[in-house]
N, C-alpha and C. Protein backbone atom coordinates (compact mmCIF):
# COMPACT_ATOMS: atom_id res chain seq x y z
N MET A 1 0.84 -1.17 0.00
CA MET A 1 0.00 0.00 0.00
C MET A 1 0.88 1.24 0.00
N ASP A 2 0.46 2.27 -0.69
CA ASP A 2 1.19 3.54 -0.74
C ASP A 2 0.70 4.47 0.36
N TYR A 3 1.63 5.25 0.92
CA TYR A 3 1.31 6.23 1.95
C TYR A 3 1.88 7.58 1.51
N PRO A 4 1.11 8.39 0.80
CA PRO A 4 1.64 9.70 0.38
C PRO A 4 1.98 10.56 1.60
N ILE A 5 3.17 11.09 1.61
CA ILE A 5 3.65 11.91 2.73
C ILE A 5 3.94 13.30 2.19
N GLN A 6 3.34 14.30 2.82
CA GLN A 6 3.57 15.67 2.39
C GLN A 6 4.05 16.57 3.52
N SER A 7 4.21 16.00 4.72
CA SER A 7 4.70 16.80 5.84
C SER A 7 5.38 15.90 6.85
N PRO A 8 6.29 16.47 7.66
CA PRO A 8 6.91 15.67 8.72
C PRO A 8 5.88 15.09 9.69
N GLY A 9 4.80 15.81 9.94
CA GLY A 9 3.77 15.30 10.85
C GLY A 9 3.12 14.03 10.32
N GLN A 10 2.86 14.00 9.02
CA GLN A 10 2.29 12.79 8.41
C GLN A 10 3.29 11.65 8.50
N LEU A 11 4.56 11.94 8.24
CA LEU A 11 5.59 10.91 8.32
C LEU A 11 5.68 10.36 9.73
N SER A 12 5.61 11.23 10.70
CA SER A 12 5.66 10.81 12.10
C SER A 12 4.55 9.81 12.41
N ALA A 13 3.33 10.15 12.01
CA ALA A 13 2.19 9.26 12.26
C ALA A 13 2.34 7.93 11.54
N HIS A 14 2.84 7.95 10.30
CA HIS A 14 3.01 6.71 9.54
C HIS A 14 4.11 5.83 10.13
N LEU A 15 5.21 6.43 10.56
CA LEU A 15 6.28 5.64 11.18
C LEU A 15 5.77 4.93 12.42
N ARG A 16 5.04 5.64 13.25
CA ARG A 16 4.48 5.05 14.47
C ARG A 16 3.51 3.92 14.12
N ALA A 17 2.63 4.17 13.14
CA ALA A 17 1.66 3.16 12.73
C ALA A 17 2.35 1.93 12.15
N LEU A 18 3.39 2.13 11.35
CA LEU A 18 4.13 1.00 10.78
C LEU A 18 4.78 0.17 11.87
N ARG A 19 5.40 0.86 12.84
CA ARG A 19 6.05 0.14 13.94
C ARG A 19 5.04 -0.73 14.68
N LYS A 20 3.89 -0.15 14.99
CA LYS A 20 2.86 -0.90 15.72
C LYS A 20 2.29 -2.03 14.87
N ALA A 21 2.10 -1.78 13.58
CA ALA A 21 1.57 -2.82 12.69
C ALA A 21 2.52 -4.00 12.58
N ARG A 22 3.82 -3.75 12.72
CA ARG A 22 4.82 -4.82 12.67
C ARG A 22 4.99 -5.51 14.02
N GLY A 23 4.27 -5.02 15.03
CA GLY A 23 4.34 -5.66 16.35
C GLY A 23 5.53 -5.26 17.18
N PHE A 24 6.19 -4.16 16.82
CA PHE A 24 7.33 -3.67 17.59
C PHE A 24 6.89 -2.61 18.58
N ASN A 25 7.50 -2.64 19.77
CA ASN A 25 7.41 -1.46 20.61
C ASN A 25 8.69 -0.67 20.35
N GLN A 26 8.83 0.49 20.95
CA GLN A 26 10.00 1.33 20.67
C GLN A 26 11.30 0.67 21.12
N VAL A 27 11.26 -0.05 22.21
CA VAL A 27 12.46 -0.74 22.71
C VAL A 27 12.91 -1.80 21.70
N GLN A 28 11.97 -2.59 21.19
CA GLN A 28 12.31 -3.65 20.24
C GLN A 28 12.86 -3.08 18.93
N LEU A 29 12.23 -2.04 18.42
CA LEU A 29 12.72 -1.44 17.18
C LEU A 29 14.10 -0.83 17.40
N GLY A 30 14.28 -0.18 18.54
CA GLY A 30 15.59 0.38 18.86
C GLY A 30 16.65 -0.69 18.93
N ALA A 31 16.33 -1.83 19.53
CA ALA A 31 17.29 -2.93 19.63
C ALA A 31 17.65 -3.45 18.24
N ALA A 32 16.68 -3.52 17.34
CA ALA A 32 16.94 -3.98 15.98
C ALA A 32 17.88 -3.04 15.24
N LEU A 33 17.86 -1.77 15.61
CA LEU A 33 18.70 -0.76 14.96
C LEU A 33 19.96 -0.43 15.75
N GLY A 34 20.07 -0.97 16.95
CA GLY A 34 21.23 -0.68 17.79
C GLY A 34 21.17 0.66 18.48
N VAL A 35 19.96 1.15 18.75
CA VAL A 35 19.78 2.41 19.46
C VAL A 35 18.79 2.20 20.61
N GLY A 36 18.68 3.18 21.45
CA GLY A 36 17.77 3.08 22.59
C GLY A 36 16.35 3.54 22.27
N GLN A 37 15.47 3.27 23.20
CA GLN A 37 14.06 3.64 23.06
C GLN A 37 13.89 5.14 22.91
N ALA A 38 14.70 5.92 23.62
CA ALA A 38 14.59 7.38 23.55
C ALA A 38 14.86 7.89 22.14
N ARG A 39 15.78 7.25 21.44
CA ARG A 39 16.09 7.67 20.06
C ARG A 39 14.92 7.38 19.13
N ILE A 40 14.28 6.22 19.28
CA ILE A 40 13.12 5.89 18.46
C ILE A 40 11.98 6.86 18.75
N ALA A 41 11.77 7.17 20.02
CA ALA A 41 10.72 8.13 20.39
C ALA A 41 10.99 9.48 19.75
N ARG A 42 12.24 9.92 19.74
CA ARG A 42 12.56 11.23 19.14
C ARG A 42 12.34 11.20 17.63
N ILE A 43 12.72 10.10 16.98
CA ILE A 43 12.52 10.00 15.53
C ILE A 43 11.03 10.03 15.21
N GLU A 44 10.23 9.32 16.00
CA GLU A 44 8.79 9.33 15.76
C GLU A 44 8.19 10.71 16.02
N ARG A 45 8.73 11.42 16.98
CA ARG A 45 8.24 12.76 17.29
C ARG A 45 8.70 13.76 16.24
N ASP A 46 9.94 13.61 15.78
CA ASP A 46 10.53 14.55 14.81
C ASP A 46 11.34 13.77 13.79
N PRO A 47 10.69 13.28 12.72
CA PRO A 47 11.41 12.48 11.74
C PRO A 47 12.50 13.25 10.98
N THR A 48 12.54 14.56 11.13
CA THR A 48 13.61 15.32 10.49
C THR A 48 14.91 15.21 11.29
N ALA A 49 14.89 14.52 12.42
CA ALA A 49 16.05 14.40 13.30
C ALA A 49 17.01 13.29 12.89
N VAL A 50 16.82 12.69 11.71
CA VAL A 50 17.71 11.62 11.25
C VAL A 50 18.24 11.95 9.86
N SER A 51 19.36 11.35 9.54
CA SER A 51 19.91 11.49 8.19
C SER A 51 19.12 10.59 7.25
N VAL A 52 19.29 10.80 5.97
CA VAL A 52 18.62 9.94 4.98
C VAL A 52 19.08 8.50 5.16
N GLU A 53 20.35 8.29 5.40
CA GLU A 53 20.88 6.94 5.60
C GLU A 53 20.20 6.26 6.80
N GLN A 54 20.08 6.98 7.90
CA GLN A 54 19.43 6.43 9.09
C GLN A 54 17.95 6.18 8.82
N PHE A 55 17.32 7.08 8.09
CA PHE A 55 15.91 6.92 7.75
C PHE A 55 15.69 5.65 6.93
N LEU A 56 16.57 5.42 5.96
CA LEU A 56 16.45 4.22 5.14
C LEU A 56 16.67 2.95 5.97
N GLU A 57 17.59 3.00 6.93
CA GLU A 57 17.79 1.86 7.84
C GLU A 57 16.53 1.60 8.66
N LEU A 58 15.93 2.67 9.13
CA LEU A 58 14.69 2.55 9.91
C LEU A 58 13.59 1.92 9.08
N LEU A 59 13.42 2.41 7.84
CA LEU A 59 12.41 1.83 6.96
C LEU A 59 12.68 0.35 6.72
N GLY A 60 13.93 0.00 6.50
CA GLY A 60 14.29 -1.41 6.29
C GLY A 60 13.92 -2.27 7.49
N ALA A 61 14.17 -1.76 8.69
CA ALA A 61 13.82 -2.51 9.90
C ALA A 61 12.31 -2.68 10.03
N LEU A 62 11.55 -1.74 9.45
CA LEU A 62 10.09 -1.82 9.47
C LEU A 62 9.55 -2.62 8.29
N GLY A 63 10.43 -3.07 7.41
CA GLY A 63 10.02 -3.89 6.28
C GLY A 63 9.35 -3.11 5.16
N VAL A 64 9.69 -1.83 5.03
CA VAL A 64 9.14 -1.00 3.95
C VAL A 64 10.29 -0.30 3.24
N GLN A 65 10.00 0.30 2.13
CA GLN A 65 11.00 1.06 1.38
C GLN A 65 10.43 2.39 0.94
N MET A 66 11.33 3.31 0.62
CA MET A 66 10.90 4.62 0.14
C MET A 66 10.86 4.57 -1.39
N VAL A 67 9.78 5.09 -1.96
CA VAL A 67 9.61 5.18 -3.40
C VAL A 67 9.26 6.61 -3.74
N LEU A 68 9.97 7.19 -4.67
CA LEU A 68 9.66 8.54 -5.13
C LEU A 68 8.83 8.41 -6.40
N ARG A 69 7.68 9.04 -6.40
CA ARG A 69 6.77 8.93 -7.53
C ARG A 69 6.30 10.33 -7.90
N SER A 70 6.18 10.56 -9.17
CA SER A 70 5.70 11.85 -9.65
C SER A 70 4.28 12.09 -9.15
N ALA A 71 4.03 13.30 -8.70
CA ALA A 71 2.68 13.65 -8.25
C ALA A 71 1.85 14.21 -9.39
N ALA A 72 2.45 14.31 -10.59
CA ALA A 72 1.72 14.83 -11.74
C ALA A 72 0.61 13.88 -12.13
N ARG A 73 -0.43 14.40 -12.72
CA ARG A 73 -1.57 13.61 -13.16
C ARG A 73 -1.09 12.49 -14.08
N GLY A 74 -1.53 11.27 -13.80
CA GLY A 74 -1.17 10.13 -14.63
C GLY A 74 0.25 9.64 -14.41
N GLY A 75 0.97 10.24 -13.46
CA GLY A 75 2.33 9.81 -13.18
C GLY A 75 3.35 10.29 -14.21
N HIS A 76 2.94 11.18 -15.11
CA HIS A 76 3.86 11.67 -16.14
C HIS A 76 4.19 13.13 -15.87
N VAL A 77 5.45 13.45 -16.00
CA VAL A 77 5.89 14.83 -15.82
C VAL A 77 5.94 15.48 -17.19
N THR A 78 5.37 16.65 -17.30
CA THR A 78 5.38 17.36 -18.57
C THR A 78 6.78 17.89 -18.85
N PRO A 79 7.15 18.00 -20.14
CA PRO A 79 8.49 18.51 -20.46
C PRO A 79 8.74 19.85 -19.78
N GLY A 80 9.91 19.96 -19.19
CA GLY A 80 10.29 21.20 -18.52
C GLY A 80 9.82 21.29 -17.08
N ALA A 81 8.93 20.39 -16.66
CA ALA A 81 8.41 20.47 -15.29
C ALA A 81 9.50 20.24 -14.26
N ALA A 82 10.42 19.34 -14.56
CA ALA A 82 11.51 19.08 -13.62
C ALA A 82 12.38 20.31 -13.44
N ARG A 83 12.59 21.05 -14.52
CA ARG A 83 13.40 22.27 -14.42
C ARG A 83 12.67 23.35 -13.65
N ALA A 84 11.35 23.30 -13.66
CA ALA A 84 10.56 24.33 -12.99
C ALA A 84 10.47 24.11 -11.49
N MET A 85 10.86 22.92 -11.02
CA MET A 85 10.78 22.63 -9.59
C MET A 85 11.80 23.49 -8.84
N PRO A 86 11.41 24.03 -7.68
CA PRO A 86 12.36 24.84 -6.91
C PRO A 86 13.49 23.97 -6.37
N ALA A 87 14.64 24.58 -6.20
CA ALA A 87 15.79 23.87 -5.63
C ALA A 87 15.49 23.56 -4.18
N PRO A 88 16.03 22.44 -3.66
CA PRO A 88 15.83 22.12 -2.24
C PRO A 88 16.41 23.22 -1.37
N ALA A 89 15.76 23.45 -0.26
CA ALA A 89 16.23 24.47 0.68
C ALA A 89 17.54 24.03 1.31
N ALA A 90 18.43 24.98 1.52
CA ALA A 90 19.69 24.69 2.18
C ALA A 90 19.44 24.43 3.66
N PRO A 91 20.22 23.53 4.27
CA PRO A 91 20.04 23.29 5.71
C PRO A 91 20.24 24.58 6.49
N VAL A 92 19.45 24.76 7.52
CA VAL A 92 19.51 25.97 8.33
C VAL A 92 20.72 25.93 9.24
N GLY A 93 21.06 24.79 9.73
CA GLY A 93 22.19 24.65 10.63
C GLY A 93 22.11 23.33 11.34
N PRO A 94 23.12 23.00 12.13
CA PRO A 94 23.10 21.71 12.81
C PRO A 94 21.98 21.64 13.84
N LYS A 95 21.40 20.47 13.98
CA LYS A 95 20.39 20.25 15.00
C LYS A 95 21.09 20.24 16.35
N THR A 96 20.41 20.73 17.34
CA THR A 96 20.98 20.68 18.68
C THR A 96 20.89 19.25 19.17
N ALA A 97 21.96 18.81 19.77
CA ALA A 97 22.03 17.43 20.24
C ALA A 97 21.24 17.26 21.52
N ASP A 98 20.58 16.16 21.62
CA ASP A 98 19.88 15.79 22.83
C ASP A 98 20.81 14.88 23.60
N PRO A 99 21.24 15.26 24.81
CA PRO A 99 22.22 14.46 25.53
C PRO A 99 21.78 13.02 25.78
N SER A 100 20.49 12.75 25.72
CA SER A 100 20.05 11.38 25.97
C SER A 100 20.09 10.52 24.71
N ASP A 101 20.42 11.14 23.56
CA ASP A 101 20.44 10.40 22.29
C ASP A 101 21.77 9.67 22.10
N GLU A 102 21.65 8.51 21.47
CA GLU A 102 22.84 7.81 21.02
C GLU A 102 23.34 8.50 19.76
N PRO A 103 24.60 8.24 19.35
CA PRO A 103 25.14 8.91 18.17
C PRO A 103 24.36 8.64 16.90
N TRP A 104 23.66 7.54 16.82
CA TRP A 104 22.92 7.19 15.61
C TRP A 104 21.81 8.15 15.46
């Protein structure tokens, strides 16, 4: 099943739902990834708190994968549409570290 995500809040809810659907609690998922429960709780609360690599590891542990699909009607991008897309925003700065978080 596809889960269109358009905001970090939606991603947060889907990550939590996927974890529960797989029968994991936060401790179990953290153990599968080599991190503590507090780190899983923070990721679920703020999914922007992980790198893309860590996010992909998390998805793998949940048995799902990320797929990028065109949102254009019919799944086709019109010529020039890719060039018209705005450039990704530059990172604002480093996230403040939570002393209770593991390095992952």
